[in-house]
Amino acid sequence: MSAIGLRTPVAPAAGLRGPVRVLLRQHRRSLWAAGALLVLGIGIVVGLRIWVAAASSAERCADGDITRCGDGSYLSTYARSHTESYLASGGTAVLLLAGLIGVFVAGPLIARELESGTFRLAWAQSAAPAQWLAARLALPAALVTAGMTVLVLVYRWGWSGISSNPHASGLSWYQNGPALGPTAVAYALLAVAVGALCAVVVRRTVLSMSLTALVLGTVMLGLGKRRYELWPTVRALGGDYPSGDAWYTESGMLTASGNEIYSKDCIPAGSAESFTGCLRNRGGITPFVDYHPASHFWPLQLVETGILLVLAAAAVALAFRVLRRRHG
């Protein structure tokens, strides 16, 4: 019997250890840069909170007003207003970061080796094709999960201290949803999966990066436009509109038969009087609004997270299938 026949198969866990160590050495500069960005992001949020606290001595009212309380005007400190504007971009920043992760996985991490042919050296020495791809998925997935979790926790800490102000602008829970919960981690994992899939399908660095950005952008834009549909809304009738930080999604009037007339159909009417008259001329009787209360934050988060994780799992499965079909 040959020596080949007597060789004991390598366990999957042990088989990934070597490729992961190689990856860490190959991309150590990128990892250091990512770590520096993580520290920078944390430092910015912490610094903004400290800035607001230091400037609070100039605030004369509990809501942060620096003018006379109850005079009908409101003016915040420079620190508070600029902190609000910076933190209001948290959701967009998370999506852009996820896109960069996907582009890196698609290009430098996988497609560059497939395009240059250096993957053959790794496959000939110790790693099977499936182990090679698994290492390039497992390492970034673990790192982005840990890093994004830390960023979300720090951002929530900074956001919660500013958004509680009734005059805060751009900091509603529904405007910054992707940065406030597990959805951020799910977007990062989807980016890793889509980047890997595009790389093994296209096998060209620049084209894989471009395709990854296109796919991720489409998913992010699509979910962003339809996010309000991920959980049933609450309806308020007769002008009994909710107080607090509610996410209004639709409004209009109900006819005598219960049919809905939507406000968007009367937007060209102009003034408020003609707007209301337009709705009533169409048969509207009872005003209504559909909205998401703040209590819907977690249901919306979990549903979107589930969708993203299913898409990520499908992309990973398809990537392995393509690799297996081409290389056995």
Protein backbone atom coordinates (compact mmCIF):
# COMPACT_ATOMS: atom_id res chain seq x y z
CA MET A 1 0.00 0.00 0.00
CA SER A 2 1.40 3.42 -0.88
CA ALA A 3 2.22 6.17 1.58
CA ILE A 4 -0.52 8.25 0.03
CA GLY A 5 -3.08 5.62 0.89
CA LEU A 6 -1.91 5.51 4.52
CA ARG A 7 -2.05 9.29 5.02
CA THR A 8 -4.59 10.37 7.62
CA PRO A 9 -6.96 13.11 6.44
CA VAL A 10 -6.48 16.47 8.11
CA ALA A 11 -9.33 17.61 10.34
CA PRO A 12 -11.14 20.67 9.03
CA ALA A 13 -10.30 22.79 12.08
CA ALA A 14 -6.61 21.94 11.86
CA GLY A 15 -6.68 22.39 8.10
CA LEU A 16 -7.77 26.02 8.44
CA ARG A 17 -5.04 26.96 10.88
CA GLY A 18 -2.27 27.10 8.29
CA PRO A 19 -4.17 29.14 5.65
CA VAL A 20 -5.34 31.58 8.32
CA ARG A 21 -1.76 32.14 9.53
CA VAL A 22 -0.69 32.76 5.93
CA LEU A 23 -3.51 35.26 5.49
CA LEU A 24 -2.55 37.10 8.66
CA ARG A 25 1.02 37.46 7.41
CA GLN A 26 0.01 38.44 3.88
CA HIS A 27 -2.45 41.13 4.91
CA ARG A 28 -0.99 42.33 8.20
CA ARG A 29 -0.73 45.90 6.91
CA SER A 30 -4.39 45.93 5.98
CA LEU A 31 -5.27 44.49 9.38
CA TRP A 32 -3.25 47.17 11.14
CA ALA A 33 -4.97 49.82 9.03
CA ALA A 34 -8.39 48.37 9.88
CA GLY A 35 -7.48 48.34 13.56
CA ALA A 36 -6.38 51.96 13.34
CA LEU A 37 -9.70 52.91 11.71
CA LEU A 38 -11.57 51.11 14.48
CA VAL A 39 -9.66 52.99 17.16
CA LEU A 40 -10.19 56.24 15.26
CA GLY A 41 -13.94 55.66 15.05
CA ILE A 42 -14.16 54.90 18.76
CA GLY A 43 -12.03 57.93 19.55
CA ILE A 44 -14.25 60.23 17.48
CA VAL A 45 -17.43 59.15 19.26
CA VAL A 46 -15.83 59.38 22.72
CA GLY A 47 -14.31 62.73 21.85
CA LEU A 48 -17.64 64.14 20.70
CA ARG A 49 -19.35 63.08 23.93
CA ILE A 50 -16.58 64.69 25.98
CA TRP A 51 -16.85 67.85 23.86
CA VAL A 52 -20.59 68.13 24.51
CA ALA A 53 -20.11 67.53 28.24
CA ALA A 54 -17.37 70.18 28.43
CA ALA A 55 -19.57 72.72 26.63
CA SER A 56 -22.60 72.01 28.80
CA SER A 57 -21.60 74.74 31.24
CA ALA A 58 -22.94 77.26 28.71
CA GLU A 59 -26.35 75.58 28.57
CA ARG A 60 -29.00 77.34 30.62
CA CYS A 61 -31.85 74.83 30.18
CA ALA A 62 -32.31 71.09 30.57
CA ASP A 63 -32.84 70.70 26.81
CA GLY A 64 -29.44 72.26 26.04
CA ASP A 65 -30.74 75.74 25.20
CA ILE A 66 -28.16 78.49 25.73
CA THR A 67 -30.78 81.24 25.51
CA ARG A 68 -33.34 82.17 28.16
CA CYS A 69 -35.55 79.21 29.02
CA GLY A 70 -39.15 79.35 27.82
CA ASP A 71 -38.70 82.36 25.55
CA GLY A 72 -39.84 80.45 22.47
CA SER A 73 -36.40 80.24 20.88
CA TYR A 74 -33.79 77.51 20.99
CA LEU A 75 -30.07 77.67 20.36
CA SER A 76 -27.65 74.88 21.20
CA THR A 77 -23.92 75.01 21.75
CA TYR A 78 -21.54 74.64 18.83
CA ALA A 79 -20.40 71.33 20.31
CA ARG A 80 -23.91 69.89 20.55
CA SER A 81 -25.04 70.95 17.08
CA HIS A 82 -21.92 69.61 15.38
CA THR A 83 -21.98 66.39 17.38
CA GLU A 84 -25.57 65.83 16.21
CA SER A 85 -24.58 66.36 12.58
CA TYR A 86 -21.62 63.96 12.88
CA LEU A 87 -23.57 61.22 14.65
CA ALA A 88 -26.50 61.60 12.24
CA SER A 89 -24.33 60.05 9.53
CA GLY A 90 -23.77 56.86 11.54
CA GLY A 91 -26.11 54.70 9.44
CA THR A 92 -24.51 55.83 6.19
CA ALA A 93 -21.02 55.30 7.60
CA VAL A 94 -21.84 51.71 8.57
CA LEU A 95 -23.13 50.92 5.08
CA LEU A 96 -20.05 52.47 3.46
CA LEU A 97 -17.80 50.49 5.80
CA ALA A 98 -19.60 47.27 4.89
CA GLY A 99 -19.12 48.10 1.22
CA LEU A 100 -15.38 48.60 1.73
CA ILE A 101 -15.15 45.25 3.52
CA GLY A 102 -16.85 43.50 0.61
CA VAL A 103 -14.62 45.20 -1.95
CA PHE A 104 -11.49 44.19 -0.02
CA VAL A 105 -12.58 40.56 0.25
CA ALA A 106 -13.49 40.44 -3.43
CA GLY A 107 -10.30 42.04 -4.69
CA PRO A 108 -7.08 41.79 -2.65
CA LEU A 109 -8.15 38.82 -0.56
CA ILE A 110 -9.49 36.36 -3.16
CA ALA A 111 -9.71 37.54 -6.77
CA ARG A 112 -6.12 38.77 -6.91
CA GLU A 113 -4.83 35.26 -6.09
CA LEU A 114 -7.20 33.65 -8.58
CA GLU A 115 -6.17 36.10 -11.28
CA SER A 116 -2.43 35.80 -10.67
CA GLY A 117 -2.48 32.02 -10.16
CA THR A 118 -0.77 32.10 -6.75
CA PHE A 119 -3.63 30.04 -5.33
CA ARG A 120 -2.09 26.96 -6.97
CA LEU A 121 0.89 27.12 -4.60
CA ALA A 122 -1.35 27.00 -1.53
CA TRP A 123 -3.44 24.18 -2.98
CA ALA A 124 -0.36 22.14 -3.90
CA GLN A 125 1.24 22.46 -0.45
CA SER A 126 -1.43 21.82 2.16
CA ALA A 127 -4.80 23.48 1.66
CA ALA A 128 -7.59 21.98 -0.39
CA PRO A 129 -9.65 24.47 -2.46
CA ALA A 130 -12.52 24.37 0.04
CA GLN A 131 -10.16 24.98 2.98
CA TRP A 132 -8.46 27.80 1.08
CA LEU A 133 -11.80 29.58 0.54
CA ALA A 134 -13.04 28.77 4.04
CA ALA A 135 -10.01 30.51 5.56
CA ARG A 136 -10.66 33.58 3.39
CA LEU A 137 -14.21 33.66 4.68
CA ALA A 138 -13.67 32.70 8.32
CA LEU A 139 -10.93 35.22 9.12
CA PRO A 140 -12.65 38.37 7.80
CA ALA A 141 -16.01 37.18 9.14
CA ALA A 142 -14.59 36.81 12.65
CA LEU A 143 -12.75 40.12 12.51
CA VAL A 144 -15.63 42.18 11.12
CA THR A 145 -18.08 40.62 13.58
CA ALA A 146 -15.90 41.64 16.51
CA GLY A 147 -15.01 45.06 15.10
CA MET A 148 -18.52 45.98 14.01
CA THR A 149 -19.96 44.87 17.36
CA VAL A 150 -17.59 47.20 19.18
CA LEU A 151 -18.43 50.07 16.82
CA VAL A 152 -22.17 49.55 17.28
CA LEU A 153 -21.88 49.52 21.07
CA VAL A 154 -19.76 52.67 21.09
CA TYR A 155 -22.01 54.42 18.60
CA ARG A 156 -25.14 53.52 20.62
CA TRP A 157 -23.48 54.96 23.71
CA GLY A 158 -22.69 58.22 21.91
CA TRP A 159 -26.04 58.36 20.14
CA SER A 160 -28.13 57.68 23.27
CA GLY A 161 -26.55 60.59 25.13
CA ILE A 162 -27.43 63.07 22.37
CA SER A 163 -30.64 61.75 20.81
CA SER A 164 -32.54 62.04 24.10
CA ASN A 165 -32.58 65.80 23.60
CA PRO A 166 -36.02 66.74 22.19
CA HIS A 167 -34.39 69.23 19.79
CA ALA A 168 -31.86 66.77 18.35
CA SER A 169 -32.07 66.55 14.57
CA GLY A 170 -31.22 63.60 12.33
CA LEU A 171 -30.82 61.18 15.23
CA SER A 172 -34.12 59.31 15.10
CA TRP A 173 -33.90 55.59 15.69
CA TYR A 174 -35.28 54.85 12.22
CA GLN A 175 -32.83 57.19 10.49
CA ASN A 176 -29.78 55.53 12.04
CA GLY A 177 -31.10 51.98 12.28
CA PRO A 178 -28.20 50.25 10.47
CA ALA A 179 -25.73 51.61 13.04
CA LEU A 180 -27.71 50.85 16.18
CA GLY A 181 -28.02 47.07 16.29
CA PRO A 182 -27.15 43.67 14.84
CA THR A 183 -28.08 44.82 11.34
CA ALA A 184 -24.66 46.47 11.12
CA VAL A 185 -22.94 43.13 11.77
CA ALA A 186 -25.23 41.39 9.28
CA TYR A 187 -24.37 43.90 6.56
CA ALA A 188 -20.66 43.32 7.19
CA LEU A 189 -21.09 39.53 6.98
CA LEU A 190 -23.12 39.88 3.80
CA ALA A 191 -20.33 42.01 2.37
CA VAL A 192 -17.79 39.25 3.09
CA ALA A 193 -20.02 36.62 1.49
CA VAL A 194 -20.86 38.68 -1.61
CA GLY A 195 -17.21 39.64 -2.05
CA ALA A 196 -16.17 35.98 -1.98
CA LEU A 197 -18.90 34.96 -4.42
CA CYS A 198 -18.08 37.69 -6.92
CA ALA A 199 -14.38 36.83 -6.69
CA VAL A 200 -14.76 33.10 -7.42
CA VAL A 201 -17.25 33.78 -10.22
CA VAL A 202 -15.42 36.61 -12.00
CA ARG A 203 -11.78 35.83 -11.02
CA ARG A 204 -10.66 39.34 -11.99
CA THR A 205 -9.62 41.78 -9.28
CA VAL A 206 -11.05 45.07 -10.51
CA LEU A 207 -14.16 43.53 -12.02
CA SER A 208 -14.86 41.54 -8.84
CA MET A 209 -14.55 44.66 -6.72
CA SER A 210 -16.87 46.61 -9.01
CA LEU A 211 -19.46 43.83 -9.10
CA THR A 212 -19.36 43.49 -5.30
CA ALA A 213 -19.96 47.21 -4.86
CA LEU A 214 -22.86 47.06 -7.32
CA VAL A 215 -24.53 44.07 -5.64
CA LEU A 216 -24.12 45.45 -2.13
CA GLY A 217 -25.32 48.88 -3.19
CA THR A 218 -28.43 47.35 -4.73
CA VAL A 219 -29.23 45.37 -1.58
CA MET A 220 -28.63 48.35 0.70
CA LEU A 221 -30.70 50.68 -1.43
CA GLY A 222 -33.52 48.17 -1.80
CA LEU A 223 -33.77 47.41 1.91
CA GLY A 224 -33.43 51.09 2.76
CA LYS A 225 -36.39 51.95 0.54
CA ARG A 226 -38.59 49.13 1.84
CA ARG A 227 -37.41 48.86 5.44
CA TYR A 228 -40.68 50.21 6.78
CA GLU A 229 -42.49 47.20 5.26
CA LEU A 230 -40.51 44.65 7.26
CA TRP A 231 -42.93 44.87 10.18
CA PRO A 232 -46.65 45.76 10.33
CA THR A 233 -47.34 49.41 11.09
CA VAL A 234 -49.77 50.84 13.65
CA ARG A 235 -52.70 52.97 12.48
CA ALA A 236 -54.01 56.04 14.35
CA LEU A 237 -57.42 57.49 13.42
CA GLY A 238 -59.14 60.84 13.78
CA GLY A 239 -56.12 63.01 14.41
CA ASP A 240 -55.06 61.05 17.50
CA TYR A 241 -51.47 61.03 16.36
CA PRO A 242 -48.71 59.43 18.43
CA SER A 243 -46.26 61.42 20.48
CA GLY A 244 -42.59 60.66 20.75
CA ASP A 245 -40.14 59.46 18.14
CA ALA A 246 -42.54 57.73 15.75
CA TRP A 247 -41.73 56.79 12.16
CA TYR A 248 -44.61 57.99 10.00
CA THR A 249 -44.92 55.91 6.84
CA GLU A 250 -48.31 56.83 5.35
CA SER A 251 -51.20 59.22 5.94
CA GLY A 252 -54.50 60.20 4.39
CA MET A 253 -58.23 59.76 4.97
CA LEU A 254 -60.71 56.91 5.05
CA THR A 255 -63.93 57.08 3.08
CA ALA A 256 -67.33 56.09 4.45
CA SER A 257 -66.82 52.60 3.01
CA GLY A 258 -63.35 52.27 4.56
CA ASN A 259 -61.33 52.84 1.42
CA GLU A 260 -58.02 54.67 1.80
CA ILE A 261 -57.18 57.97 0.14
CA TYR A 262 -53.48 58.70 0.48
CA SER A 263 -52.00 62.11 1.14
CA LYS A 264 -49.43 61.69 -1.61
CA ASP A 265 -52.25 61.84 -4.16
CA CYS A 266 -53.07 65.39 -3.03
CA ILE A 267 -49.56 66.80 -2.62
CA PRO A 268 -49.93 69.13 -5.66
CA ALA A 269 -52.92 70.76 -3.97
CA GLY A 270 -50.72 73.44 -2.40
CA SER A 271 -51.89 74.96 0.91
CA ALA A 272 -53.07 72.95 3.92
CA GLU A 273 -56.65 74.02 3.30
CA SER A 274 -56.63 72.93 -0.33
CA PHE A 275 -54.79 69.76 0.67
CA THR A 276 -57.50 68.80 3.16
CA GLY A 277 -60.15 69.85 0.67
CA CYS A 278 -58.58 67.61 -1.95
CA LEU A 279 -58.85 64.61 0.39
CA ARG A 280 -62.45 65.42 1.29
CA ASN A 281 -63.42 66.00 -2.34
CA ARG A 282 -62.22 62.45 -3.02
CA GLY A 283 -64.56 61.17 -0.31
CA GLY A 284 -62.29 61.30 2.69
CA ILE A 285 -63.94 61.50 6.11
CA THR A 286 -61.63 60.17 8.84
CA PRO A 287 -57.93 61.13 8.93
CA PHE A 288 -55.42 58.33 9.51
CA VAL A 289 -51.68 57.86 9.85
CA ASP A 290 -49.67 54.66 9.67
CA TYR A 291 -46.49 54.65 11.74
CA HIS A 292 -43.86 52.62 13.54
CA PRO A 293 -43.54 53.45 17.25
CA ALA A 294 -40.12 53.33 18.86
CA SER A 295 -41.00 49.87 20.21
CA HIS A 296 -40.75 48.54 16.64
CA PHE A 297 -37.01 49.15 16.55
CA TRP A 298 -36.05 45.61 17.55
CA PRO A 299 -38.60 43.77 15.37
CA LEU A 300 -37.42 45.77 12.35
CA GLN A 301 -33.79 45.17 13.28
CA LEU A 302 -34.19 41.43 13.73
CA VAL A 303 -36.19 40.92 10.54
CA GLU A 304 -33.66 42.85 8.46
CA THR A 305 -30.80 41.03 10.16
CA GLY A 306 -32.42 37.68 9.36
CA ILE A 307 -32.84 38.62 5.70
CA LEU A 308 -29.21 39.70 5.43
CA LEU A 309 -27.91 36.55 7.11
CA VAL A 310 -29.99 34.34 4.80
CA LEU A 311 -28.59 36.20 1.79
CA ALA A 312 -25.07 35.84 3.20
CA ALA A 313 -25.51 32.08 3.76
CA ALA A 314 -26.83 31.68 0.22
CA ALA A 315 -23.87 33.61 -1.20
CA VAL A 316 -21.38 31.49 0.76
CA ALA A 317 -23.03 28.24 -0.35
CA LEU A 318 -23.01 29.40 -3.96
CA ALA A 319 -19.36 30.46 -3.73
CA PHE A 320 -18.31 26.99 -2.54
CA ARG A 321 -20.43 25.36 -5.22
CA VAL A 322 -18.79 27.44 -7.96
CA LEU A 323 -15.33 26.69 -6.59
CA ARG A 324 -16.09 22.96 -6.35
CA ARG A 325 -17.44 22.86 -9.89
CA ARG A 326 -14.37 24.55 -11.32
CA HIS A 327 -11.65 22.98 -9.21
CA GLY A 328 -13.12 19.87 -7.60
